[in-house]
Amino acid sequence: MDEIEAALQAEVESIEAYPDAIQAIAMLRERGVALGVFSNLAKPHGAAVKRLFPSMNAYAFSLEVGAAKPDPRIYQALLENIGAGPGQSAGVTARGVWMVGDSTRCDRDGVRAVGVEGHYLDRSGASTIQDLVQFADLILE
């Protein structure tokens, strides 16, 4: 068990943010956009997300919420924590609430069920949004 815990800890400590994530967050923060993260990550990985992105306005992790994407409850939990409702700005953007992620089912289509504008991030280059700076530019248009 000690070996497993040590391996998990090493894995969590090795997690790094994509450079485009850092840049996109800075761009959006500069314009006053409220930011949040929701994820199906396990508890130790959630701590890594908070370490890497401490300036988020809210977090919603499936283990804490008791629902996993694409269950609407995880999206609603983040919206409540960030102080926004679907289709309203509440400091998120003047055009509403937006989301991007690497799953068409969970991060694009799943959030649309609660009125959030979902987008698909495909780092392979096969889709419109290939990095988070492109997503930030789309929001800030």
Protein backbone atom coordinates (compact mmCIF):
# COMPACT_ATOMS: atom_id res chain seq x y z
CA MET A 1 0.00 0.00 0.00
CA ASP A 2 2.88 2.36 0.78
CA GLU A 3 4.29 1.80 -2.71
CA ILE A 4 0.93 2.55 -4.31
CA GLU A 5 0.49 5.73 -2.27
CA ALA A 6 4.04 6.86 -3.10
CA ALA A 7 3.46 6.24 -6.80
CA LEU A 8 0.19 8.16 -6.69
CA GLN A 9 1.84 11.06 -4.87
CA ALA A 10 4.67 11.15 -7.41
CA GLU A 11 2.15 11.14 -10.24
CA VAL A 12 0.12 13.98 -8.71
CA GLU A 13 3.25 16.05 -8.07
CA SER A 14 4.38 15.56 -11.68
CA ILE A 15 1.20 17.04 -13.18
CA GLU A 16 1.85 20.29 -15.00
CA ALA A 17 -0.41 22.83 -16.65
CA TYR A 18 -0.40 23.25 -20.39
CA PRO A 19 1.29 26.59 -21.22
CA ASP A 20 -1.76 27.65 -23.22
CA ALA A 21 -3.91 27.14 -20.10
CA ILE A 22 -1.78 29.60 -18.14
CA GLN A 23 -1.95 32.11 -21.00
CA ALA A 24 -5.70 31.70 -21.52
CA ILE A 25 -6.44 32.11 -17.82
CA ALA A 26 -4.36 35.30 -17.74
CA MET A 27 -6.20 36.66 -20.79
CA LEU A 28 -9.62 35.92 -19.31
CA ARG A 29 -8.71 37.17 -15.83
CA GLU A 30 -7.48 40.44 -17.34
CA ARG A 31 -10.94 40.94 -18.85
CA GLY A 32 -12.72 40.09 -15.59
CA VAL A 33 -14.11 36.72 -16.66
CA ALA A 34 -15.03 34.44 -13.77
CA LEU A 35 -13.39 31.03 -14.13
CA GLY A 36 -14.11 27.56 -12.81
CA VAL A 37 -13.04 23.96 -13.21
CA PHE A 38 -15.21 20.88 -13.04
CA SER A 39 -13.81 17.44 -13.46
CA ASN A 40 -14.31 13.73 -12.90
CA LEU A 41 -10.80 13.52 -11.43
CA ALA A 42 -10.15 11.52 -8.28
CA LYS A 43 -9.57 13.44 -5.05
CA PRO A 44 -5.73 13.50 -5.18
CA HIS A 45 -5.83 14.85 -8.73
CA GLY A 46 -8.27 17.57 -7.67
CA ALA A 47 -5.63 18.85 -5.27
CA ALA A 48 -3.22 19.11 -8.21
CA VAL A 49 -5.75 21.15 -10.17
CA LYS A 50 -6.15 23.54 -7.24
CA ARG A 51 -2.35 23.78 -6.90
CA LEU A 52 -1.91 24.54 -10.61
CA PHE A 53 -4.90 26.87 -10.92
CA PRO A 54 -5.34 28.57 -7.54
CA SER A 55 -7.04 31.65 -8.98
CA MET A 56 -10.21 29.88 -10.13
CA ASN A 57 -13.45 31.30 -8.78
CA ALA A 58 -14.88 27.83 -8.24
CA TYR A 59 -14.21 24.11 -8.54
CA ALA A 60 -16.59 21.16 -8.84
CA PHE A 61 -15.10 17.69 -8.60
CA SER A 62 -17.28 14.64 -9.14
CA LEU A 63 -16.14 12.97 -5.93
CA GLU A 64 -17.18 16.01 -3.88
CA VAL A 65 -20.40 16.71 -5.79
CA GLY A 66 -21.55 13.09 -5.93
CA ALA A 67 -22.15 13.23 -9.67
CA ALA A 68 -19.89 12.69 -12.67
CA LYS A 69 -19.99 14.36 -16.06
CA PRO A 70 -22.26 14.32 -18.00
CA ASP A 71 -24.70 14.31 -15.07
CA PRO A 72 -26.18 17.84 -14.97
CA ARG A 73 -25.61 18.05 -11.20
CA ILE A 74 -21.86 18.54 -11.57
CA TYR A 75 -22.37 21.42 -14.01
CA GLN A 76 -25.04 22.96 -11.79
CA ALA A 77 -22.73 22.71 -8.76
CA LEU A 78 -20.05 24.73 -10.54
CA LEU A 79 -22.58 27.28 -11.74
CA GLU A 80 -23.85 27.74 -8.19
CA ASN A 81 -20.31 27.99 -6.79
CA ILE A 82 -19.28 30.53 -9.39
CA GLY A 83 -22.45 32.57 -8.92
CA ALA A 84 -23.80 32.18 -12.44
CA GLY A 85 -26.79 30.62 -14.00
CA PRO A 86 -27.13 29.31 -17.53
CA GLY A 87 -27.57 32.12 -20.02
CA GLN A 88 -26.76 34.90 -17.55
CA SER A 89 -23.47 36.70 -17.23
CA ALA A 90 -23.01 37.10 -13.44
CA GLY A 91 -19.48 38.23 -14.24
CA VAL A 92 -18.73 35.17 -16.34
CA THR A 93 -18.89 36.88 -19.75
CA ALA A 94 -21.26 39.38 -21.26
CA ARG A 95 -22.43 36.56 -23.54
CA GLY A 96 -23.17 33.96 -20.87
CA VAL A 97 -21.49 30.87 -19.50
CA TRP A 98 -18.99 28.97 -21.66
CA MET A 99 -17.18 25.67 -21.20
CA VAL A 100 -14.42 23.85 -23.02
CA GLY A 101 -13.08 20.34 -22.56
CA ASP A 102 -11.68 17.32 -24.32
CA SER A 103 -14.85 15.21 -24.39
CA THR A 104 -17.62 15.89 -26.88
CA ARG A 105 -20.07 13.90 -24.73
CA CYS A 106 -19.26 15.48 -21.37
CA ASP A 107 -17.68 18.85 -22.05
CA ARG A 108 -19.50 20.01 -25.14
CA ASP A 109 -22.86 18.24 -25.22
CA GLY A 110 -23.29 17.56 -21.49
CA VAL A 111 -23.14 21.19 -20.44
CA ARG A 112 -25.56 22.23 -23.14
CA ALA A 113 -28.25 20.32 -21.25
CA VAL A 114 -28.01 22.98 -18.50
CA GLY A 115 -27.84 25.96 -20.86
CA VAL A 116 -24.07 26.40 -20.96
CA GLU A 117 -22.33 26.94 -24.29
CA GLY A 118 -20.06 23.89 -24.56
CA HIS A 119 -17.05 23.58 -26.86
CA TYR A 120 -14.73 20.72 -27.77
CA LEU A 121 -10.96 21.06 -27.28
CA ASP A 122 -9.05 18.78 -29.65
CA ARG A 123 -5.29 19.19 -29.29
CA SER A 124 -4.72 16.89 -32.30
CA GLY A 125 -5.66 19.75 -34.60
CA ALA A 126 -8.77 18.11 -36.01
CA SER A 127 -11.27 20.61 -34.60
CA THR A 128 -11.84 24.35 -34.43
CA ILE A 129 -10.45 24.74 -30.91
CA GLN A 130 -6.96 23.24 -30.66
CA ASP A 131 -5.73 25.06 -27.56
CA LEU A 132 -7.11 27.14 -24.73
CA VAL A 133 -5.85 30.46 -26.13
CA GLN A 134 -8.12 29.89 -29.14
CA PHE A 135 -10.97 29.29 -26.73
CA ALA A 136 -10.17 32.48 -24.79
CA ASP A 137 -10.07 34.44 -28.04
CA LEU A 138 -13.48 33.03 -28.97
CA ILE A 139 -14.94 34.16 -25.65
CA LEU A 140 -13.38 37.61 -25.86
CA GLU A 141 -14.53 38.36 -29.44
